[in-house]
Structure formats: C-alpha cells, structure tokens
C-alpha cells in the first residue's frame, strides 16, 4: 500500500508536497520514524534501479524531513533519527 501511494504521489504536480503528505499520514496512523525512513529508503532503491532520478531526488529530500536533517518547519518528527 505504501509503495502504491508513494508512487502515485511522485506522479503528482507537486511530488514533494504529495509524498510529504503520505508520510505525515503514516505518522498520524502510528507508524514510527525509523519504519517510515526504511520504507522510503527501499522505494528509493527501487527508483534508482529503474533510473528514475527525479523521483529518487524527491524521496531523498523527504527522507531528510523524516530523519530531522531539515529546517524545523520541514521536519516531520521532533527528534532527529540516528541514521547510519
């Protein structure tokens, strides 16, 4: 379900906003920060293998929002995620 919704969001007019909305909804539904980060990472790898660089760039930016490596107004979780 996550992959289908995320791929649909990536096809939106404003994919960054659309994917961020999907992630915020996951958070509201109780999904954890690391879980969402890993889902995004898995999808990013799929997109990279498919040569979809623009979509991959969007996911990388949203992953920054999830991990806390972004300005406060873009962060989705309050605490930064320790990313290896």
PDB file of N, CA and C in Angstrom:
ATOM      1  N   UNK A   1       0.824  -1.184   0.000  1.00  0.00           N
ATOM      2  CA  UNK A   1       0.000   0.000   0.000  1.00  0.00           C
ATOM      3  C   UNK A   1       0.879   1.262   0.000  1.00  0.00           C
ATOM      4  N   UNK A   2       1.922   1.267   0.834  1.00  0.00           N
ATOM      5  CA  UNK A   2       2.796   2.437   0.897  1.00  0.00           C
ATOM      6  C   UNK A   2       3.413   2.734  -0.466  1.00  0.00           C
ATOM      7  N   UNK A   3       3.921   1.695  -1.112  1.00  0.00           N
ATOM      8  CA  UNK A   3       4.599   1.899  -2.396  1.00  0.00           C
ATOM      9  C   UNK A   3       3.637   2.452  -3.440  1.00  0.00           C
ATOM     10  N   UNK A   4       2.437   1.910  -3.505  1.00  0.00           N
ATOM     11  CA  UNK A   4       1.460   2.394  -4.491  1.00  0.00           C
ATOM     12  C   UNK A   4       1.097   3.853  -4.226  1.00  0.00           C
ATOM     13  N   UNK A   5       0.851   4.186  -2.965  1.00  0.00           N
ATOM     14  CA  UNK A   5       0.502   5.580  -2.639  1.00  0.00           C
ATOM     15  C   UNK A   5       1.673   6.520  -2.909  1.00  0.00           C
ATOM     16  N   UNK A   6       2.865   6.071  -2.581  1.00  0.00           N
ATOM     17  CA  UNK A   6       4.037   6.917  -2.790  1.00  0.00           C
ATOM     18  C   UNK A   6       4.319   7.118  -4.270  1.00  0.00           C
ATOM     19  N   UNK A   7       4.173   6.062  -5.051  1.00  0.00           N
ATOM     20  CA  UNK A   7       4.391   6.201  -6.498  1.00  0.00           C
ATOM     21  C   UNK A   7       3.343   7.131  -7.113  1.00  0.00           C
ATOM     22  N   UNK A   8       2.115   7.036  -6.636  1.00  0.00           N
ATOM     23  CA  UNK A   8       1.074   7.953  -7.122  1.00  0.00           C
ATOM     24  C   UNK A   8       1.419   9.387  -6.730  1.00  0.00           C
ATOM     25  N   UNK A   9       1.918   9.570  -5.507  1.00  0.00           N
ATOM     26  CA  UNK A   9       2.304  10.907  -5.040  1.00  0.00           C
ATOM     27  C   UNK A   9       3.461  11.458  -5.871  1.00  0.00           C
ATOM     28  N   UNK A  10       4.373  10.590  -6.257  1.00  0.00           N
ATOM     29  CA  UNK A  10       5.508  11.028  -7.072  1.00  0.00           C
ATOM     30  C   UNK A  10       5.068  11.497  -8.455  1.00  0.00           C
ATOM     31  N   UNK A  11       3.903  11.060  -8.899  1.00  0.00           N
ATOM     32  CA  UNK A  11       3.381  11.476 -10.199  1.00  0.00           C
ATOM     33  C   UNK A  11       2.527  12.737 -10.110  1.00  0.00           C
ATOM     34  N   UNK A  12       2.336  13.258  -8.912  1.00  0.00           N
ATOM     35  CA  UNK A  12       1.511  14.457  -8.713  1.00  0.00           C
ATOM     36  C   UNK A  12       2.214  15.692  -9.278  1.00  0.00           C
ATOM     37  N   UNK A  13       1.445  16.773  -9.414  1.00  0.00           N
ATOM     38  CA  UNK A  13       2.017  18.033  -9.901  1.00  0.00           C
ATOM     39  C   UNK A  13       3.121  18.548  -8.985  1.00  0.00           C
ATOM     40  N   UNK A  14       2.951  18.357  -7.683  1.00  0.00           N
ATOM     41  CA  UNK A  14       3.961  18.750  -6.696  1.00  0.00           C
ATOM     42  C   UNK A  14       4.332  17.503  -5.895  1.00  0.00           C
ATOM     43  N   UNK A  15       5.244  16.691  -6.440  1.00  0.00           N
ATOM     44  CA  UNK A  15       5.546  15.415  -5.790  1.00  0.00           C
ATOM     45  C   UNK A  15       6.130  15.549  -4.381  1.00  0.00           C
ATOM     46  N   UNK A  16       6.903  16.589  -4.138  1.00  0.00           N
ATOM     47  CA  UNK A  16       7.472  16.765  -2.805  1.00  0.00           C
ATOM     48  C   UNK A  16       6.361  16.942  -1.771  1.00  0.00           C
ATOM     49  N   UNK A  17       5.423  17.792  -2.065  1.00  0.00           N
ATOM     50  CA  UNK A  17       4.308  18.014  -1.153  1.00  0.00           C
ATOM     51  C   UNK A  17       3.452  16.756  -1.021  1.00  0.00           C
ATOM     52  N   UNK A  18       3.214  16.066  -2.122  1.00  0.00           N
ATOM     53  CA  UNK A  18       2.360  14.879  -2.100  1.00  0.00           C
ATOM     54  C   UNK A  18       2.991  13.738  -1.302  1.00  0.00           C
ATOM     55  N   UNK A  19       4.278  13.487  -1.500  1.00  0.00           N
ATOM     56  CA  UNK A  19       4.943  12.415  -0.746  1.00  0.00           C
ATOM     57  C   UNK A  19       5.023  12.797   0.729  1.00  0.00           C
ATOM     58  N   UNK A  20       5.291  14.052   1.016  1.00  0.00           N
ATOM     59  CA  UNK A  20       5.324  14.502   2.405  1.00  0.00           C
ATOM     60  C   UNK A  20       3.972  14.281   3.065  1.00  0.00           C
ATOM     61  N   UNK A  21       2.896  14.519   2.347  1.00  0.00           N
ATOM     62  CA  UNK A  21       1.551  14.296   2.888  1.00  0.00           C
ATOM     63  C   UNK A  21       1.324  12.812   3.192  1.00  0.00           C
ATOM     64  N   UNK A  22       1.808  11.930   2.327  1.00  0.00           N
ATOM     65  CA  UNK A  22       1.696  10.483   2.572  1.00  0.00           C
ATOM     66  C   UNK A  22       2.439  10.128   3.854  1.00  0.00           C
ATOM     67  N   UNK A  23       3.633  10.663   4.010  1.00  0.00           N
ATOM     68  CA  UNK A  23       4.447  10.370   5.195  1.00  0.00           C
ATOM     69  C   UNK A  23       3.781  10.921   6.459  1.00  0.00           C
ATOM     70  N   UNK A  24       3.261  12.116   6.395  1.00  0.00           N
ATOM     71  CA  UNK A  24       2.574  12.684   7.568  1.00  0.00           C
ATOM     72  C   UNK A  24       1.365  11.829   7.961  1.00  0.00           C
ATOM     73  N   UNK A  25       0.677  11.301   6.973  1.00  0.00           N
ATOM     74  CA  UNK A  25      -0.473  10.432   7.253  1.00  0.00           C
ATOM     75  C   UNK A  25      -0.012   9.136   7.928  1.00  0.00           C
ATOM     76  N   UNK A  26       1.108   8.590   7.478  1.00  0.00           N
ATOM     77  CA  UNK A  26       1.658   7.393   8.123  1.00  0.00           C
ATOM     78  C   UNK A  26       1.970   7.669   9.587  1.00  0.00           C
ATOM     79  N   UNK A  27       2.553   8.839   9.845  1.00  0.00           N
ATOM     80  CA  UNK A  27       2.860   9.211  11.224  1.00  0.00           C
ATOM     81  C   UNK A  27       1.575   9.305  12.042  1.00  0.00           C
ATOM     82  N   UNK A  28       0.560   9.954  11.491  1.00  0.00           N
ATOM     83  CA  UNK A  28      -0.723  10.094  12.186  1.00  0.00           C
ATOM     84  C   UNK A  28      -1.345   8.728  12.495  1.00  0.00           C
ATOM     85  N   UNK A  29      -1.084   7.752  11.647  1.00  0.00           N
ATOM     86  CA  UNK A  29      -1.634   6.404  11.832  1.00  0.00           C
ATOM     87  C   UNK A  29      -0.788   5.553  12.773  1.00  0.00           C
ATOM     88  N   UNK A  30       0.275   6.138  13.316  1.00  0.00           N
ATOM     89  CA  UNK A  30       1.075   5.440  14.320  1.00  0.00           C
ATOM     90  C   UNK A  30       2.339   4.766  13.837  1.00  0.00           C
ATOM     91  N   UNK A  31       2.691   4.969  12.589  1.00  0.00           N
ATOM     92  CA  UNK A  31       3.932   4.380  12.089  1.00  0.00           C
ATOM     93  C   UNK A  31       5.124   5.150  12.652  1.00  0.00           C
ATOM     94  N   UNK A  32       6.170   4.434  12.967  1.00  0.00           N
ATOM     95  CA  UNK A  32       7.346   5.041  13.582  1.00  0.00           C
ATOM     96  C   UNK A  32       8.283   5.689  12.578  1.00  0.00           C
ATOM     97  N   UNK A  33       9.116   6.548  13.107  1.00  0.00           N
ATOM     98  CA  UNK A  33      10.058   7.313  12.297  1.00  0.00           C
ATOM     99  C   UNK A  33      11.021   6.399  11.536  1.00  0.00           C
ATOM    100  N   UNK A  34      11.633   5.446  12.224  1.00  0.00           N
ATOM    101  CA  UNK A  34      12.593   4.546  11.558  1.00  0.00           C
ATOM    102  C   UNK A  34      11.884   3.692  10.507  1.00  0.00           C
ATOM    103  N   UNK A  35      10.701   3.198  10.839  1.00  0.00           N
ATOM    104  CA  UNK A  35       9.943   2.380   9.894  1.00  0.00           C
ATOM    105  C   UNK A  35       9.672   3.146   8.598  1.00  0.00           C
ATOM    106  N   UNK A  36       9.217   4.382   8.720  1.00  0.00           N
ATOM    107  CA  UNK A  36       8.911   5.195   7.544  1.00  0.00           C
ATOM    108  C   UNK A  36      10.191   5.506   6.771  1.00  0.00           C
ATOM    109  N   UNK A  37      11.262   5.814   7.495  1.00  0.00           N
ATOM    110  CA  UNK A  37      12.542   6.100   6.841  1.00  0.00           C
ATOM    111  C   UNK A  37      12.996   4.896   6.010  1.00  0.00           C
ATOM    112  N   UNK A  38      12.848   3.706   6.575  1.00  0.00           N
ATOM    113  CA  UNK A  38      13.262   2.490   5.868  1.00  0.00           C
ATOM    114  C   UNK A  38      12.365   2.207   4.662  1.00  0.00           C
ATOM    115  N   UNK A  39      11.067   2.460   4.794  1.00  0.00           N
ATOM    116  CA  UNK A  39      10.168   2.303   3.648  1.00  0.00           C
ATOM    117  C   UNK A  39      10.573   3.229   2.509  1.00  0.00           C
ATOM    118  N   UNK A  40      10.870   4.471   2.854  1.00  0.00           N
ATOM    119  CA  UNK A  40      11.316   5.429   1.840  1.00  0.00           C
ATOM    120  C   UNK A  40      12.632   4.989   1.211  1.00  0.00           C
ATOM    121  N   UNK A  41      13.529   4.478   2.032  1.00  0.00           N
ATOM    122  CA  UNK A  41      14.817   4.007   1.523  1.00  0.00           C
ATOM    123  C   UNK A  41      14.662   2.838   0.567  1.00  0.00           C
ATOM    124  N   UNK A  42      13.767   1.915   0.891  1.00  0.00           N
ATOM    125  CA  UNK A  42      13.516   0.777  -0.003  1.00  0.00           C
ATOM    126  C   UNK A  42      12.951   1.250  -1.341  1.00  0.00           C
ATOM    127  N   UNK A  43      12.007   2.167  -1.281  1.00  0.00           N
ATOM    128  CA  UNK A  43      11.425   2.695  -2.511  1.00  0.00           C
ATOM    129  C   UNK A  43      12.465   3.470  -3.307  1.00  0.00           C
ATOM    130  N   UNK A  44      13.314   4.207  -2.632  1.00  0.00           N
ATOM    131  CA  UNK A  44      14.378   4.958  -3.321  1.00  0.00           C
ATOM    132  C   UNK A  44      15.275   4.010  -4.099  1.00  0.00           C
ATOM    133  N   UNK A  45      15.625   2.877  -3.495  1.00  0.00           N
ATOM    134  CA  UNK A  45      16.468   1.888  -4.187  1.00  0.00           C
ATOM    135  C   UNK A  45      15.775   1.342  -5.426  1.00  0.00           C
ATOM    136  N   UNK A  46      14.466   1.100  -5.332  1.00  0.00           N
ATOM    137  CA  UNK A  46      13.705   0.631  -6.493  1.00  0.00           C
ATOM    138  C   UNK A  46      13.734   1.677  -7.610  1.00  0.00           C
ATOM    139  N   UNK A  47      13.523   2.927  -7.229  1.00  0.00           N
ATOM    140  CA  UNK A  47      13.517   4.002  -8.220  1.00  0.00           C
ATOM    141  C   UNK A  47      14.888   4.177  -8.861  1.00  0.00           C
ATOM    142  N   UNK A  48      15.929   4.040  -8.067  1.00  0.00           N
ATOM    143  CA  UNK A  48      17.293   4.156  -8.595  1.00  0.00           C
ATOM    144  C   UNK A  48      17.547   3.049  -9.616  1.00  0.00           C
ATOM    145  N   UNK A  49      17.105   1.829  -9.310  1.00  0.00           N
ATOM    146  CA  UNK A  49      17.286   0.708 -10.227  1.00  0.00           C
ATOM    147  C   UNK A  49      16.511   0.924 -11.523  1.00  0.00           C
ATOM    148  N   UNK A  50      15.407   1.668 -11.442  1.00  0.00           N
ATOM    149  CA  UNK A  50      14.585   1.968 -12.617  1.00  0.00           C
ATOM    150  C   UNK A  50      15.079   3.204 -13.365  1.00  0.00           C
ATOM    151  N   UNK A  51      16.090   3.869 -12.823  1.00  0.00           N
ATOM    152  CA  UNK A  51      16.635   5.061 -13.472  1.00  0.00           C
ATOM    153  C   UNK A  51      15.767   6.297 -13.320  1.00  0.00           C
ATOM    154  N   UNK A  52      14.942   6.339 -12.299  1.00  0.00           N
ATOM    155  CA  UNK A  52      14.037   7.472 -12.083  1.00  0.00           C
ATOM    156  C   UNK A  52      14.689   8.478 -11.124  1.00  0.00           C
ATOM    157  N   UNK A  53      15.650   9.205 -11.646  1.00  0.00           N
ATOM    158  CA  UNK A  53      16.447  10.107 -10.816  1.00  0.00           C
ATOM    159  C   UNK A  53      15.637  11.222 -10.167  1.00  0.00           C
ATOM    160  N   UNK A  54      14.715  11.829 -10.901  1.00  0.00           N
ATOM    161  CA  UNK A  54      13.929  12.935 -10.334  1.00  0.00           C
ATOM    162  C   UNK A  54      13.086  12.446  -9.157  1.00  0.00           C
ATOM    163  N   UNK A  55      12.471  11.288  -9.300  1.00  0.00           N
ATOM    164  CA  UNK A  55      11.661  10.727  -8.209  1.00  0.00           C
ATOM    165  C   UNK A  55      12.557  10.353  -7.034  1.00  0.00           C
ATOM    166  N   UNK A  56      13.722   9.818  -7.334  1.00  0.00           N
ATOM    167  CA  UNK A  56      14.679   9.466  -6.278  1.00  0.00           C
ATOM    168  C   UNK A  56      15.094  10.717  -5.502  1.00  0.00           C
ATOM    169  N   UNK A  57      15.320  11.821  -6.189  1.00  0.00           N
ATOM    170  CA  UNK A  57      15.693  13.079  -5.528  1.00  0.00           C
ATOM    171  C   UNK A  57      14.599  13.550  -4.579  1.00  0.00           C
ATOM    172  N   UNK A  58      13.347  13.414  -5.002  1.00  0.00           N
ATOM    173  CA  UNK A  58      12.224  13.790  -4.135  1.00  0.00           C
ATOM    174  C   UNK A  58      12.249  12.936  -2.869  1.00  0.00           C
ATOM    175  N   UNK A  59      12.425  11.632  -3.026  1.00  0.00           N
ATOM    176  CA  UNK A  59      12.441  10.755  -1.855  1.00  0.00           C
ATOM    177  C   UNK A  59      13.609  11.082  -0.930  1.00  0.00           C
ATOM    178  N   UNK A  60      14.750  11.391  -1.488  1.00  0.00           N
ATOM    179  CA  UNK A  60      15.888  11.767  -0.652  1.00  0.00           C
ATOM    180  C   UNK A  60      15.571  13.009   0.186  1.00  0.00           C
ATOM    181  N   UNK A  61      14.887  13.957  -0.411  1.00  0.00           N
ATOM    182  CA  UNK A  61      14.516  15.164   0.327  1.00  0.00           C
ATOM    183  C   UNK A  61      13.517  14.834   1.439  1.00  0.00           C
ATOM    184  N   UNK A  62      12.529  14.006   1.139  1.00  0.00           N
ATOM    185  CA  UNK A  62      11.556  13.620   2.161  1.00  0.00           C
ATOM    186  C   UNK A  62      12.242  12.794   3.253  1.00  0.00           C
ATOM    187  N   UNK A  63      13.200  11.978   2.881  1.00  0.00           N
ATOM    188  CA  UNK A  63      13.958  11.221   3.890  1.00  0.00           C
ATOM    189  C   UNK A  63      14.682  12.180   4.841  1.00  0.00           C
ATOM    190  N   UNK A  64      15.167  13.292   4.329  1.00  0.00           N
ATOM    191  CA  UNK A  64      15.764  14.317   5.187  1.00  0.00           C
ATOM    192  C   UNK A  64      14.725  14.880   6.150  1.00  0.00           C
ATOM    193  N   UNK A  65      13.505  15.106   5.672  1.00  0.00           N
ATOM    194  CA  UNK A  65      12.432  15.600   6.547  1.00  0.00           C
ATOM    195  C   UNK A  65      12.142  14.594   7.649  1.00  0.00           C
ATOM    196  N   UNK A  66      12.146  13.306   7.305  1.00  0.00           N
ATOM    197  CA  UNK A  66      11.854  12.248   8.282  1.00  0.00           C
ATOM    198  C   UNK A  66      12.982  12.117   9.288  1.00  0.00           C
ATOM    199  N   UNK A  67      14.219  12.172   8.821  1.00  0.00           N
ATOM    200  CA  UNK A  67      15.366  11.974   9.711  1.00  0.00           C
ATOM    201  C   UNK A  67      15.651  13.190  10.589  1.00  0.00           C
ATOM    202  N   UNK A  68      15.071  14.334  10.238  1.00  0.00           N
ATOM    203  CA  UNK A  68      15.322  15.550  11.005  1.00  0.00           C
ATOM    204  C   UNK A  68      16.456  16.380  10.436  1.00  0.00           C
ATOM    205  N   UNK A  69      17.004  15.956   9.306  1.00  0.00           N
ATOM    206  CA  UNK A  69      18.084  16.696   8.655  1.00  0.00           C
ATOM    207  C   UNK A  69      17.472  17.728   7.715  1.00  0.00           C
ATOM    208  N   UNK A  70      16.707  18.637   8.329  1.00  0.00           N
ATOM    209  CA  UNK A  70      15.982  19.665   7.581  1.00  0.00           C
ATOM    210  C   UNK A  70      15.646  20.799   8.542  1.00  0.00           C
ATOM    211  N   UNK A  71      15.208  21.908   7.987  1.00  0.00           N
ATOM    212  CA  UNK A  71      14.801  23.013   8.848  1.00  0.00           C
ATOM    213  C   UNK A  71      13.617  22.563   9.700  1.00  0.00           C
ATOM    214  N   UNK A  72      13.405  23.231  10.812  1.00  0.00           N
ATOM    215  CA  UNK A  72      12.335  22.837  11.734  1.00  0.00           C
ATOM    216  C   UNK A  72      10.976  22.790  11.058  1.00  0.00           C
ATOM    217  N   UNK A  73      10.712  23.697  10.158  1.00  0.00           N
ATOM    218  CA  UNK A  73       9.387  23.735   9.530  1.00  0.00           C
ATOM    219  C   UNK A  73       9.148  22.549   8.598  1.00  0.00           C
ATOM    220  N   UNK A  74      10.214  21.875   8.160  1.00  0.00           N
ATOM    221  CA  UNK A  74      10.063  20.718   7.284  1.00  0.00           C
ATOM    222  C   UNK A  74      10.141  19.384   8.029  1.00  0.00           C
ATOM    223  N   UNK A  75      10.633  19.395   9.245  1.00  0.00           N
ATOM    224  CA  UNK A  75      10.756  18.141   9.994  1.00  0.00           C
ATOM    225  C   UNK A  75       9.384  17.546  10.271  1.00  0.00           C
ATOM    226  N   UNK A  76       9.310  16.236  10.162  1.00  0.00           N
ATOM    227  CA  UNK A  76       8.053  15.546  10.399  1.00  0.00           C
ATOM    228  C   UNK A  76       8.003  15.008  11.815  1.00  0.00           C
ATOM    229  N   UNK A  77       9.100  14.549  12.330  1.00  0.00           N
ATOM    230  CA  UNK A  77       9.213  14.130  13.731  1.00  0.00           C
ATOM    231  C   UNK A  77      10.066  15.172  14.454  1.00  0.00           C
ATOM    232  N   UNK A  78       9.818  15.343  15.743  1.00  0.00           N
ATOM    233  CA  UNK A  78      10.534  16.351  16.530  1.00  0.00           C
ATOM    234  C   UNK A  78      11.990  15.957  16.785  1.00  0.00           C
ATOM    235  N   UNK A  79      12.197  14.686  17.054  1.00  0.00           N
ATOM    236  CA  UNK A  79      13.554  14.212  17.379  1.00  0.00           C
ATOM    237  C   UNK A  79      14.282  13.742  16.123  1.00  0.00           C
ATOM    238  N   UNK A  80      15.568  14.053  16.025  1.00  0.00           N
ATOM    239  CA  UNK A  80      16.325  13.557  14.864  1.00  0.00           C
ATOM    240  C   UNK A  80      16.509  12.041  14.959  1.00  0.00           C
ATOM    241  N   UNK A  81      16.611  11.426  13.816  1.00  0.00           N
ATOM    242  CA  UNK A  81      16.806   9.979  13.715  1.00  0.00           C
ATOM    243  C   UNK A  81      18.289   9.728  13.534  1.00  0.00           C
ATOM    244  N   UNK A  82      18.830   8.793  14.299  1.00  0.00           N
ATOM    245  CA  UNK A  82      20.227   8.428  14.142  1.00  0.00           C
ATOM    246  C   UNK A  82      20.335   7.513  12.926  1.00  0.00           C
ATOM    247  N   UNK A  83      20.796   8.072  11.824  1.00  0.00           N
ATOM    248  CA  UNK A  83      20.885   7.335  10.563  1.00  0.00           C
ATOM    249  C   UNK A  83      22.327   6.920  10.359  1.00  0.00           C
ATOM    250  N   UNK A  84      22.530   5.613  10.115  1.00  0.00           N
ATOM    251  CA  UNK A  84      23.914   5.133   9.907  1.00  0.00           C
ATOM    252  C   UNK A  84      24.526   5.663   8.640  1.00  0.00           C
TER     253      UNK A  84
END
